[in-house]
Protein backbone atom coordinates (compact mmCIF):
# COMPACT_ATOMS: atom_id res chain seq x y z
CA MET A 1 -56.15 -12.51 17.83
CA LYS A 2 -56.21 -16.44 16.85
CA ARG A 3 -57.37 -14.49 13.02
CA ASN A 4 -54.51 -12.12 13.08
CA PHE A 5 -51.60 -14.94 13.75
CA LEU A 6 -53.26 -16.60 10.96
CA MET A 7 -52.99 -13.86 8.63
CA GLY A 8 -49.36 -13.33 9.78
CA ALA A 9 -48.54 -16.85 9.32
CA ALA A 10 -50.00 -17.02 5.69
CA ALA A 11 -48.53 -13.54 4.65
CA LEU A 12 -45.09 -15.63 5.66
CA ALA A 13 -45.53 -18.51 4.00
CA ALA A 14 -46.77 -16.38 0.70
CA LEU A 15 -43.33 -14.55 1.24
CA ALA A 16 -41.32 -17.56 1.53
CA THR A 17 -43.10 -18.98 -1.88
CA LEU A 18 -42.10 -15.94 -3.77
CA SER A 19 -38.45 -15.68 -2.75
CA ALA A 20 -38.47 -19.60 -3.37
CA CYS A 21 -39.33 -19.17 -6.73
CA GLY A 22 -37.86 -15.94 -7.64
CA GLY A 23 -40.88 -13.73 -6.81
CA LYS A 24 -40.27 -10.40 -5.61
CA LYS A 25 -40.82 -9.28 -2.28
CA GLU A 26 -43.72 -6.43 -1.37
CA GLU A 27 -40.84 -3.81 -0.56
CA GLU A 28 -38.96 -4.83 -4.12
CA ALA A 29 -42.04 -4.67 -6.21
CA ALA A 30 -42.83 -0.97 -4.74
CA ALA A 31 -39.86 0.55 -5.82
CA PRO A 32 -39.39 3.49 -7.19
CA ALA A 33 -39.14 4.07 -10.87
CA ALA A 34 -36.44 5.87 -10.25
CA ALA A 35 -33.93 2.73 -9.11
CA THR A 36 -34.90 1.26 -12.25
CA GLU A 37 -33.97 3.81 -14.37
CA GLU A 38 -30.91 4.50 -12.47
CA ALA A 39 -30.43 1.04 -13.16
CA ALA A 40 -30.59 0.95 -16.92
CA ALA A 41 -28.60 4.05 -16.87
CA PRO A 42 -25.30 3.83 -18.81
CA ALA A 43 -22.17 3.68 -17.18
CA GLU A 44 -19.71 6.61 -17.17
CA THR A 45 -17.30 5.90 -19.76
CA ALA A 46 -14.27 7.24 -18.37
CA ALA A 47 -13.42 7.53 -13.90
CA ALA A 48 -12.75 10.92 -12.92
CA THR A 49 -9.96 10.00 -10.03
CA PRO A 50 -7.67 7.75 -9.66
CA ALA A 51 -9.97 5.89 -6.33
CA ALA A 52 -12.72 5.85 -9.03
CA ALA A 53 -10.70 4.14 -11.59
CA ALA A 54 -9.66 1.64 -8.94
CA ASP A 55 -13.62 1.21 -8.19
CA ALA A 56 -14.01 0.33 -11.97
CA GLY A 57 -11.13 -2.28 -12.76
CA ALA A 58 -8.70 -0.13 -13.94
CA LYS A 59 -4.75 -0.76 -13.38
CA LEU A 60 -3.77 2.50 -11.15
CA GLU A 61 -0.66 4.05 -12.12
CA TYR A 62 1.37 6.15 -9.65
CA ALA A 63 1.83 8.97 -11.88
CA SER A 64 -2.09 9.91 -11.62
CA PHE A 65 -1.00 11.05 -7.88
CA THR A 66 0.54 13.27 -6.08
CA GLY A 67 2.86 11.52 -3.93
CA ASP A 68 4.13 13.43 -0.87
CA ALA A 69 7.28 12.45 0.58
CA ALA A 70 7.19 13.92 3.87
CA ALA A 71 3.47 12.18 4.43
CA GLY A 72 5.46 9.07 3.17
CA GLU A 73 8.17 9.11 5.32
CA LYS A 74 5.14 8.66 8.25
CA VAL A 75 3.59 5.55 5.98
CA PHE A 76 7.60 4.35 5.94
CA ALA A 77 7.74 4.01 9.74
CA ALA A 78 5.56 0.20 9.64
CA CYS A 79 8.76 -0.18 7.41
CA ARG A 80 11.61 0.49 9.33
CA THR A 81 11.55 -2.78 11.74
CA CYS A 82 12.86 -4.31 8.57
CA HIS A 83 14.43 -2.10 6.02
CA VAL A 84 17.30 0.78 6.52
CA PHE A 85 18.33 2.98 3.47
CA ASP A 86 21.94 2.38 4.47
CA ASP A 87 23.86 0.99 1.85
CA GLY A 88 25.17 -2.66 2.52
CA VAL A 89 23.27 -3.20 5.69
CA ASN A 90 20.47 -5.59 5.54
CA ARG A 91 18.27 -6.24 8.75
CA VAL A 92 15.05 -8.83 8.16
CA GLY A 93 14.56 -6.99 4.82
CA PRO A 94 17.42 -5.87 2.57
CA SER A 95 18.73 -2.46 2.71
CA LEU A 96 16.49 -0.30 0.29
CA HIS A 97 19.76 2.27 -0.73
CA LYS A 98 18.86 3.55 -3.96
CA ILE A 99 15.75 1.11 -4.76
CA VAL A 100 14.30 3.16 -7.25
CA GLY A 101 16.02 1.68 -10.31
CA ARG A 102 17.59 -1.44 -8.59
CA LYS A 103 16.74 -5.06 -10.20
CA SER A 104 15.01 -6.94 -7.50
CA GLY A 105 17.08 -9.62 -5.74
CA SER A 106 20.66 -8.04 -6.19
CA VAL A 107 21.56 -6.59 -2.71
CA ALA A 108 24.93 -8.54 -1.67
CA GLY A 109 24.38 -10.70 1.45
CA PHE A 110 20.89 -10.66 1.58
CA ALA A 111 19.06 -14.29 1.54
CA TYR A 112 16.05 -13.51 -0.99
CA SER A 113 13.59 -16.11 -1.89
CA ASP A 114 13.78 -17.75 -5.17
CA ALA A 115 10.63 -15.79 -6.24
CA ASN A 116 12.63 -12.39 -5.68
CA LYS A 117 15.70 -13.52 -6.92
CA ASN A 118 13.91 -14.67 -10.34
CA SER A 119 11.35 -12.09 -10.64
CA GLY A 120 12.96 -10.15 -13.32
CA ILE A 121 11.53 -7.03 -11.54
CA THR A 122 13.32 -3.62 -11.65
CA TRP A 123 12.05 -1.30 -8.97
CA THR A 124 10.43 1.11 -10.64
CA PRO A 125 7.94 3.71 -9.14
CA GLN A 126 4.87 1.89 -10.77
CA VAL A 127 6.35 -1.47 -9.77
CA LEU A 128 6.76 -0.01 -6.43
CA PHE A 129 3.23 1.48 -5.77
CA GLU A 130 1.64 -2.16 -7.68
CA TYR A 131 3.95 -4.12 -5.31
CA LEU A 132 3.67 -2.42 -1.83
CA LYS A 133 -0.30 -2.91 -2.23
CA ASP A 134 0.16 -6.58 -1.37
CA PRO A 135 3.77 -7.91 -1.88
CA LYS A 136 2.31 -11.65 -1.75
CA ALA A 137 0.20 -11.13 -4.65
CA TYR A 138 2.71 -9.25 -6.78
CA VAL A 139 5.69 -12.07 -6.14
CA PRO A 140 3.89 -14.82 -5.09
CA GLY A 141 6.27 -16.62 -2.89
CA THR A 142 8.33 -13.75 -1.20
CA LYS A 143 9.49 -13.97 2.20
CA MET A 144 8.18 -10.32 2.82
CA ALA A 145 5.67 -10.50 5.31
CA PHE A 146 4.36 -7.23 4.95
CA PRO A 147 0.55 -7.04 4.08
CA GLY A 148 0.84 -4.05 2.00
CA VAL A 149 -0.78 -0.37 2.10
CA LYS A 150 -3.89 -0.67 0.89
CA ASP A 151 -4.58 3.21 0.51
CA ASP A 152 -3.57 4.38 -2.67
CA GLN A 153 -2.68 8.04 -1.46
CA LYS A 154 -0.37 6.54 1.26
CA ARG A 155 0.97 4.00 -0.95
CA ALA A 156 1.71 6.98 -3.12
CA ASP A 157 3.34 8.83 -0.85
CA LEU A 158 5.76 5.99 0.39
CA VAL A 159 6.44 5.51 -3.11
CA ALA A 160 7.54 9.28 -3.35
CA TYR A 161 9.56 8.74 0.04
CA LEU A 162 11.32 5.90 -1.56
CA GLU A 163 12.12 7.92 -4.87
CA ALA A 164 13.48 10.53 -2.51
CA GLN A 165 15.98 8.36 -0.75
CA SER A 166 17.09 6.84 -3.67
CA LYS A 167 18.51 9.97 -5.12
């Protein structure tokens, strides 16, 4: 039993030394050749889906999604606390009456942050799609506390709903 303990301790010491020196652990050294070949294979040149494009670091285009306004209405439920579509009715956030095509910071009677007033943004579907992912990152200094809609399809649905309400 003492011999097994010493052999175990020696094996641990050897692994620790190899790890510290950049050596490979036994499992890594015995990895199948297929994994090495897979890592050496060239990357695909084009992403097949919007999600794949996002994973590849490409800019997602709103037009690459089929937005569903009815599904977007459900996503908008989280926005109702602060926003309505009634013209001239501001809550915690400004009215979203005819938001698509409107300049940022232009609703009368709403106290916008300087960041929003001076952003020069026009709320196109593409801009809304990007902004609603992470408003504070898109317009640093905005007062909008909403964390964003991270799911690309849900965000596309929300933008489709905003478009439908802007007509």
